[in-house]
PDB file of N, CA and C in Angstrom:
ATOM      1  N   UNK A   1      27.958  -5.805 -31.409  1.00  0.00           N
ATOM      2  CA  UNK A   1      27.454  -6.562 -32.527  1.00  0.00           C
ATOM      3  C   UNK A   1      26.859  -5.624 -33.545  1.00  0.00           C
ATOM      4  N   UNK A   2      26.800  -6.102 -34.744  1.00  0.00           N
ATOM      5  CA  UNK A   2      26.345  -5.243 -35.825  1.00  0.00           C
ATOM      6  C   UNK A   2      25.442  -6.039 -36.750  1.00  0.00           C
ATOM      7  N   UNK A   3      24.313  -5.466 -37.111  1.00  0.00           N
ATOM      8  CA  UNK A   3      23.407  -6.143 -38.032  1.00  0.00           C
ATOM      9  C   UNK A   3      24.033  -6.105 -39.415  1.00  0.00           C
ATOM     10  N   UNK A   4      24.099  -7.260 -40.091  1.00  0.00           N
ATOM     11  CA  UNK A   4      24.759  -7.318 -41.388  1.00  0.00           C
ATOM     12  C   UNK A   4      23.797  -7.107 -42.546  1.00  0.00           C
ATOM     13  N   UNK A   5      22.516  -7.276 -42.306  1.00  0.00           N
ATOM     14  CA  UNK A   5      21.560  -7.178 -43.396  1.00  0.00           C
ATOM     15  C   UNK A   5      20.225  -6.732 -42.823  1.00  0.00           C
ATOM     16  N   UNK A   6      19.585  -5.757 -43.470  1.00  0.00           N
ATOM     17  CA  UNK A   6      18.286  -5.295 -42.991  1.00  0.00           C
ATOM     18  C   UNK A   6      17.160  -6.232 -43.401  1.00  0.00           C
ATOM     19  N   UNK A   7      17.426  -7.130 -44.338  1.00  0.00           N
ATOM     20  CA  UNK A   7      16.424  -8.093 -44.776  1.00  0.00           C
ATOM     21  C   UNK A   7      16.492  -9.333 -43.889  1.00  0.00           C
ATOM     22  N   UNK A   8      15.353  -9.839 -43.433  1.00  0.00           N
ATOM     23  CA  UNK A   8      15.385 -11.042 -42.600  1.00  0.00           C
ATOM     24  C   UNK A   8      15.851 -12.250 -43.404  1.00  0.00           C
ATOM     25  N   UNK A   9      16.565 -13.149 -42.727  1.00  0.00           N
ATOM     26  CA  UNK A   9      16.946 -14.411 -43.353  1.00  0.00           C
ATOM     27  C   UNK A   9      15.706 -15.264 -43.571  1.00  0.00           C
ATOM     28  N   UNK A  10      14.772 -15.144 -42.617  1.00  0.00           N
ATOM     29  CA  UNK A  10      13.571 -15.960 -42.684  1.00  0.00           C
ATOM     30  C   UNK A  10      12.473 -15.286 -41.864  1.00  0.00           C
ATOM     31  N   UNK A  11      11.248 -15.422 -42.333  1.00  0.00           N
ATOM     32  CA  UNK A  11      10.072 -14.999 -41.590  1.00  0.00           C
ATOM     33  C   UNK A  11       9.182 -16.228 -41.476  1.00  0.00           C
ATOM     34  N   UNK A  12       8.754 -16.537 -40.266  1.00  0.00           N
ATOM     35  CA  UNK A  12       7.943 -17.741 -40.105  1.00  0.00           C
ATOM     36  C   UNK A  12       6.863 -17.536 -39.054  1.00  0.00           C
ATOM     37  N   UNK A  13       5.866 -18.401 -39.104  1.00  0.00           N
ATOM     38  CA  UNK A  13       4.785 -18.371 -38.128  1.00  0.00           C
ATOM     39  C   UNK A  13       5.120 -19.244 -36.926  1.00  0.00           C
ATOM     40  N   UNK A  14       6.117 -20.118 -37.054  1.00  0.00           N
ATOM     41  CA  UNK A  14       6.586 -20.901 -35.917  1.00  0.00           C
ATOM     42  C   UNK A  14       7.261 -19.926 -34.952  1.00  0.00           C
ATOM     43  N   UNK A  15       6.871 -19.968 -33.687  1.00  0.00           N
ATOM     44  CA  UNK A  15       7.401 -18.997 -32.734  1.00  0.00           C
ATOM     45  C   UNK A  15       8.007 -19.706 -31.532  1.00  0.00           C
ATOM     46  N   UNK A  16       9.232 -19.384 -31.239  1.00  0.00           N
ATOM     47  CA  UNK A  16       9.912 -19.966 -30.092  1.00  0.00           C
ATOM     48  C   UNK A  16       9.240 -19.531 -28.796  1.00  0.00           C
ATOM     49  N   UNK A  17       8.754 -18.292 -28.727  1.00  0.00           N
ATOM     50  CA  UNK A  17       8.059 -17.841 -27.523  1.00  0.00           C
ATOM     51  C   UNK A  17       6.828 -18.708 -27.251  1.00  0.00           C
ATOM     52  N   UNK A  18       6.095 -19.028 -28.297  1.00  0.00           N
ATOM     53  CA  UNK A  18       4.912 -19.881 -28.146  1.00  0.00           C
ATOM     54  C   UNK A  18       5.314 -21.261 -27.642  1.00  0.00           C
ATOM     55  N   UNK A  19       6.366 -21.822 -28.208  1.00  0.00           N
ATOM     56  CA  UNK A  19       6.830 -23.147 -27.795  1.00  0.00           C
ATOM     57  C   UNK A  19       7.288 -23.165 -26.341  1.00  0.00           C
ATOM     58  N   UNK A  20       7.827 -22.054 -25.865  1.00  0.00           N
ATOM     59  CA  UNK A  20       8.289 -21.963 -24.479  1.00  0.00           C
ATOM     60  C   UNK A  20       7.155 -21.620 -23.513  1.00  0.00           C
ATOM     61  N   UNK A  21       5.938 -21.393 -24.052  1.00  0.00           N
ATOM     62  CA  UNK A  21       4.808 -21.033 -23.211  1.00  0.00           C
ATOM     63  C   UNK A  21       4.800 -19.564 -22.827  1.00  0.00           C
ATOM     64  N   UNK A  22       5.470 -18.712 -23.632  1.00  0.00           N
ATOM     65  CA  UNK A  22       5.552 -17.279 -23.347  1.00  0.00           C
ATOM     66  C   UNK A  22       4.848 -16.451 -24.414  1.00  0.00           C
ATOM     67  N   UNK A  23       3.853 -17.032 -25.067  1.00  0.00           N
ATOM     68  CA  UNK A  23       3.139 -16.327 -26.134  1.00  0.00           C
ATOM     69  C   UNK A  23       2.505 -15.065 -25.567  1.00  0.00           C
ATOM     70  N   UNK A  24       2.802 -13.943 -26.163  1.00  0.00           N
ATOM     71  CA  UNK A  24       2.309 -12.654 -25.675  1.00  0.00           C
ATOM     72  C   UNK A  24       0.849 -12.414 -26.038  1.00  0.00           C
ATOM     73  N   UNK A  25       0.335 -13.133 -27.037  1.00  0.00           N
ATOM     74  CA  UNK A  25      -1.070 -12.967 -27.424  1.00  0.00           C
ATOM     75  C   UNK A  25      -1.987 -13.800 -26.538  1.00  0.00           C
ATOM     76  N   UNK A  26      -1.532 -14.972 -26.131  1.00  0.00           N
ATOM     77  CA  UNK A  26      -2.373 -15.865 -25.339  1.00  0.00           C
ATOM     78  C   UNK A  26      -2.399 -15.477 -23.866  1.00  0.00           C
ATOM     79  N   UNK A  27      -1.270 -15.101 -23.326  1.00  0.00           N
ATOM     80  CA  UNK A  27      -1.189 -14.723 -21.910  1.00  0.00           C
ATOM     81  C   UNK A  27      -0.120 -13.654 -21.769  1.00  0.00           C
ATOM     82  N   UNK A  28      -0.499 -12.391 -21.862  1.00  0.00           N
ATOM     83  CA  UNK A  28       0.499 -11.324 -21.759  1.00  0.00           C
ATOM     84  C   UNK A  28       1.329 -11.453 -20.482  1.00  0.00           C
ATOM     85  N   UNK A  29       2.623 -11.513 -20.668  1.00  0.00           N
ATOM     86  CA  UNK A  29       3.571 -11.630 -19.571  1.00  0.00           C
ATOM     87  C   UNK A  29       4.499 -10.431 -19.576  1.00  0.00           C
ATOM     88  N   UNK A  30       5.207 -10.194 -18.497  1.00  0.00           N
ATOM     89  CA  UNK A  30       6.217  -9.133 -18.528  1.00  0.00           C
ATOM     90  C   UNK A  30       7.230  -9.427 -19.637  1.00  0.00           C
ATOM     91  N   UNK A  31       7.832  -8.390 -20.227  1.00  0.00           N
ATOM     92  CA  UNK A  31       8.790  -8.610 -21.311  1.00  0.00           C
ATOM     93  C   UNK A  31       9.918  -9.552 -20.878  1.00  0.00           C
ATOM     94  N   UNK A  32      10.227 -10.478 -21.768  1.00  0.00           N
ATOM     95  CA  UNK A  32      11.340 -11.394 -21.537  1.00  0.00           C
ATOM     96  C   UNK A  32      12.641 -10.683 -21.829  1.00  0.00           C
ATOM     97  N   UNK A  33      13.718 -11.377 -21.566  1.00  0.00           N
ATOM     98  CA  UNK A  33      15.024 -10.835 -21.939  1.00  0.00           C
ATOM     99  C   UNK A  33      15.076 -10.765 -23.456  1.00  0.00           C
ATOM    100  N   UNK A  34      15.163  -9.573 -23.967  1.00  0.00           N
ATOM    101  CA  UNK A  34      15.204  -9.360 -25.415  1.00  0.00           C
ATOM    102  C   UNK A  34      16.462  -8.598 -25.746  1.00  0.00           C
ATOM    103  N   UNK A  35      17.032  -8.736 -26.877  1.00  0.00           N
ATOM    104  CA  UNK A  35      16.653  -9.676 -27.925  1.00  0.00           C
ATOM    105  C   UNK A  35      17.136 -11.085 -27.599  1.00  0.00           C
ATOM    106  N   UNK A  36      16.570 -12.026 -28.297  1.00  0.00           N
ATOM    107  CA  UNK A  36      16.981 -13.431 -28.173  1.00  0.00           C
ATOM    108  C   UNK A  36      17.819 -13.788 -29.387  1.00  0.00           C
ATOM    109  N   UNK A  37      18.763 -14.699 -29.181  1.00  0.00           N
ATOM    110  CA  UNK A  37      19.677 -15.096 -30.248  1.00  0.00           C
ATOM    111  C   UNK A  37      19.770 -16.607 -30.328  1.00  0.00           C
ATOM    112  N   UNK A  38      20.096 -17.083 -31.511  1.00  0.00           N
ATOM    113  CA  UNK A  38      20.466 -18.474 -31.738  1.00  0.00           C
ATOM    114  C   UNK A  38      21.864 -18.460 -32.336  1.00  0.00           C
ATOM    115  N   UNK A  39      22.689 -19.421 -31.954  1.00  0.00           N
ATOM    116  CA  UNK A  39      24.013 -19.551 -32.562  1.00  0.00           C
ATOM    117  C   UNK A  39      24.010 -20.833 -33.381  1.00  0.00           C
ATOM    118  N   UNK A  40      24.303 -20.699 -34.676  1.00  0.00           N
ATOM    119  CA  UNK A  40      24.347 -21.844 -35.567  1.00  0.00           C
ATOM    120  C   UNK A  40      25.664 -22.587 -35.405  1.00  0.00           C
ATOM    121  N   UNK A  41      25.731 -23.811 -35.917  1.00  0.00           N
ATOM    122  CA  UNK A  41      26.957 -24.604 -35.828  1.00  0.00           C
ATOM    123  C   UNK A  41      28.134 -23.910 -36.506  1.00  0.00           C
ATOM    124  N   UNK A  42      27.847 -23.086 -37.491  1.00  0.00           N
ATOM    125  CA  UNK A  42      28.895 -22.370 -38.216  1.00  0.00           C
ATOM    126  C   UNK A  42      29.441 -21.195 -37.423  1.00  0.00           C
ATOM    127  N   UNK A  43      28.802 -20.888 -36.290  1.00  0.00           N
ATOM    128  CA  UNK A  43      29.222 -19.759 -35.477  1.00  0.00           C
ATOM    129  C   UNK A  43      28.441 -18.494 -35.766  1.00  0.00           C
ATOM    130  N   UNK A  44      27.587 -18.525 -36.773  1.00  0.00           N
ATOM    131  CA  UNK A  44      26.766 -17.375 -37.119  1.00  0.00           C
ATOM    132  C   UNK A  44      25.751 -17.125 -36.013  1.00  0.00           C
ATOM    133  N   UNK A  45      25.611 -15.878 -35.635  1.00  0.00           N
ATOM    134  CA  UNK A  45      24.649 -15.486 -34.620  1.00  0.00           C
ATOM    135  C   UNK A  45      23.403 -14.956 -35.320  1.00  0.00           C
ATOM    136  N   UNK A  46      22.246 -15.478 -34.925  1.00  0.00           N
ATOM    137  CA  UNK A  46      20.979 -15.095 -35.537  1.00  0.00           C
ATOM    138  C   UNK A  46      20.114 -14.444 -34.465  1.00  0.00           C
ATOM    139  N   UNK A  47      19.631 -13.249 -34.747  1.00  0.00           N
ATOM    140  CA  UNK A  47      18.763 -12.519 -33.826  1.00  0.00           C
ATOM    141  C   UNK A  47      17.312 -12.864 -34.137  1.00  0.00           C
ATOM    142  N   UNK A  48      16.523 -13.059 -33.086  1.00  0.00           N
ATOM    143  CA  UNK A  48      15.103 -13.356 -33.248  1.00  0.00           C
ATOM    144  C   UNK A  48      14.303 -12.102 -32.922  1.00  0.00           C
ATOM    145  N   UNK A  49      13.441 -11.706 -33.839  1.00  0.00           N
ATOM    146  CA  UNK A  49      12.585 -10.539 -33.655  1.00  0.00           C
ATOM    147  C   UNK A  49      11.147 -11.020 -33.750  1.00  0.00           C
ATOM    148  N   UNK A  50      10.343 -10.690 -32.749  1.00  0.00           N
ATOM    149  CA  UNK A  50       8.975 -11.181 -32.670  1.00  0.00           C
ATOM    150  C   UNK A  50       7.990 -10.071 -33.014  1.00  0.00           C
ATOM    151  N   UNK A  51       7.107 -10.356 -33.962  1.00  0.00           N
ATOM    152  CA  UNK A  51       6.001  -9.463 -34.308  1.00  0.00           C
ATOM    153  C   UNK A  51       4.727 -10.163 -33.856  1.00  0.00           C
ATOM    154  N   UNK A  52       4.379  -9.966 -32.605  1.00  0.00           N
ATOM    155  CA  UNK A  52       3.267 -10.695 -32.000  1.00  0.00           C
ATOM    156  C   UNK A  52       1.919 -10.295 -32.604  1.00  0.00           C
ATOM    157  N   UNK A  53       1.779  -9.061 -33.081  1.00  0.00           N
ATOM    158  CA  UNK A  53       0.523  -8.635 -33.706  1.00  0.00           C
ATOM    159  C   UNK A  53       0.247  -9.448 -34.966  1.00  0.00           C
ATOM    160  N   UNK A  54       1.315  -9.754 -35.730  1.00  0.00           N
ATOM    161  CA  UNK A  54       1.189 -10.537 -36.965  1.00  0.00           C
ATOM    162  C   UNK A  54       1.399 -12.026 -36.729  1.00  0.00           C
ATOM    163  N   UNK A  55       1.742 -12.393 -35.497  1.00  0.00           N
ATOM    164  CA  UNK A  55       2.023 -13.784 -35.134  1.00  0.00           C
ATOM    165  C   UNK A  55       3.156 -14.326 -36.010  1.00  0.00           C
ATOM    166  N   UNK A  56       4.275 -13.562 -36.064  1.00  0.00           N
ATOM    167  CA  UNK A  56       5.442 -13.926 -36.873  1.00  0.00           C
ATOM    168  C   UNK A  56       6.719 -13.793 -36.058  1.00  0.00           C
ATOM    169  N   UNK A  57       7.703 -14.567 -36.462  1.00  0.00           N
ATOM    170  CA  UNK A  57       9.047 -14.474 -35.908  1.00  0.00           C
ATOM    171  C   UNK A  57       9.996 -14.272 -37.092  1.00  0.00           C
ATOM    172  N   UNK A  58      10.889 -13.296 -36.974  1.00  0.00           N
ATOM    173  CA  UNK A  58      11.857 -13.009 -38.038  1.00  0.00           C
ATOM    174  C   UNK A  58      13.262 -13.281 -37.528  1.00  0.00           C
ATOM    175  N   UNK A  59      14.083 -13.821 -38.399  1.00  0.00           N
ATOM    176  CA  UNK A  59      15.467 -14.135 -38.060  1.00  0.00           C
ATOM    177  C   UNK A  59      16.391 -13.241 -38.876  1.00  0.00           C
ATOM    178  N   UNK A  60      17.320 -12.583 -38.190  1.00  0.00           N
ATOM    179  CA  UNK A  60      18.294 -11.701 -38.825  1.00  0.00           C
ATOM    180  C   UNK A  60      19.702 -12.193 -38.485  1.00  0.00           C
ATOM    181  N   UNK A  61      20.601 -12.134 -39.449  1.00  0.00           N
ATOM    182  CA  UNK A  61      21.984 -12.541 -39.216  1.00  0.00           C
ATOM    183  C   UNK A  61      22.768 -11.416 -38.565  1.00  0.00           C
ATOM    184  N   UNK A  62      23.567 -11.751 -37.548  1.00  0.00           N
ATOM    185  CA  UNK A  62      24.458 -10.814 -36.869  1.00  0.00           C
ATOM    186  C   UNK A  62      25.879 -11.356 -36.915  1.00  0.00           C
ATOM    187  N   UNK A  63      26.837 -10.457 -36.841  1.00  0.00           N
ATOM    188  CA  UNK A  63      28.234 -10.871 -36.730  1.00  0.00           C
ATOM    189  C   UNK A  63      28.858 -10.127 -35.567  1.00  0.00           C
ATOM    190  N   UNK A  64      29.778 -10.793 -34.889  1.00  0.00           N
ATOM    191  CA  UNK A  64      30.492 -10.157 -33.771  1.00  0.00           C
ATOM    192  C   UNK A  64      31.609  -9.287 -34.341  1.00  0.00           C
ATOM    193  N   UNK A  65      31.822  -8.159 -33.716  1.00  0.00           N
ATOM    194  CA  UNK A  65      32.902  -7.261 -34.184  1.00  0.00           C
ATOM    195  C   UNK A  65      34.241  -7.774 -33.746  1.00  0.00           C
TER     196      UNK A  65
END
């Protein structure tokens, strides 16, 4: 896989790790399987990058080779 853009598609304070009960700030846990991805209906693969110090989640677009 190859990153198509160095700029995030979106930066948000909503965190999937927090929703899953894996927040690293509230209860440090062993590292999860990283990186995490979402696949959109269009087939676009989105990589999730977590900045736990800033309490942010960034989404980057990826494409399969």
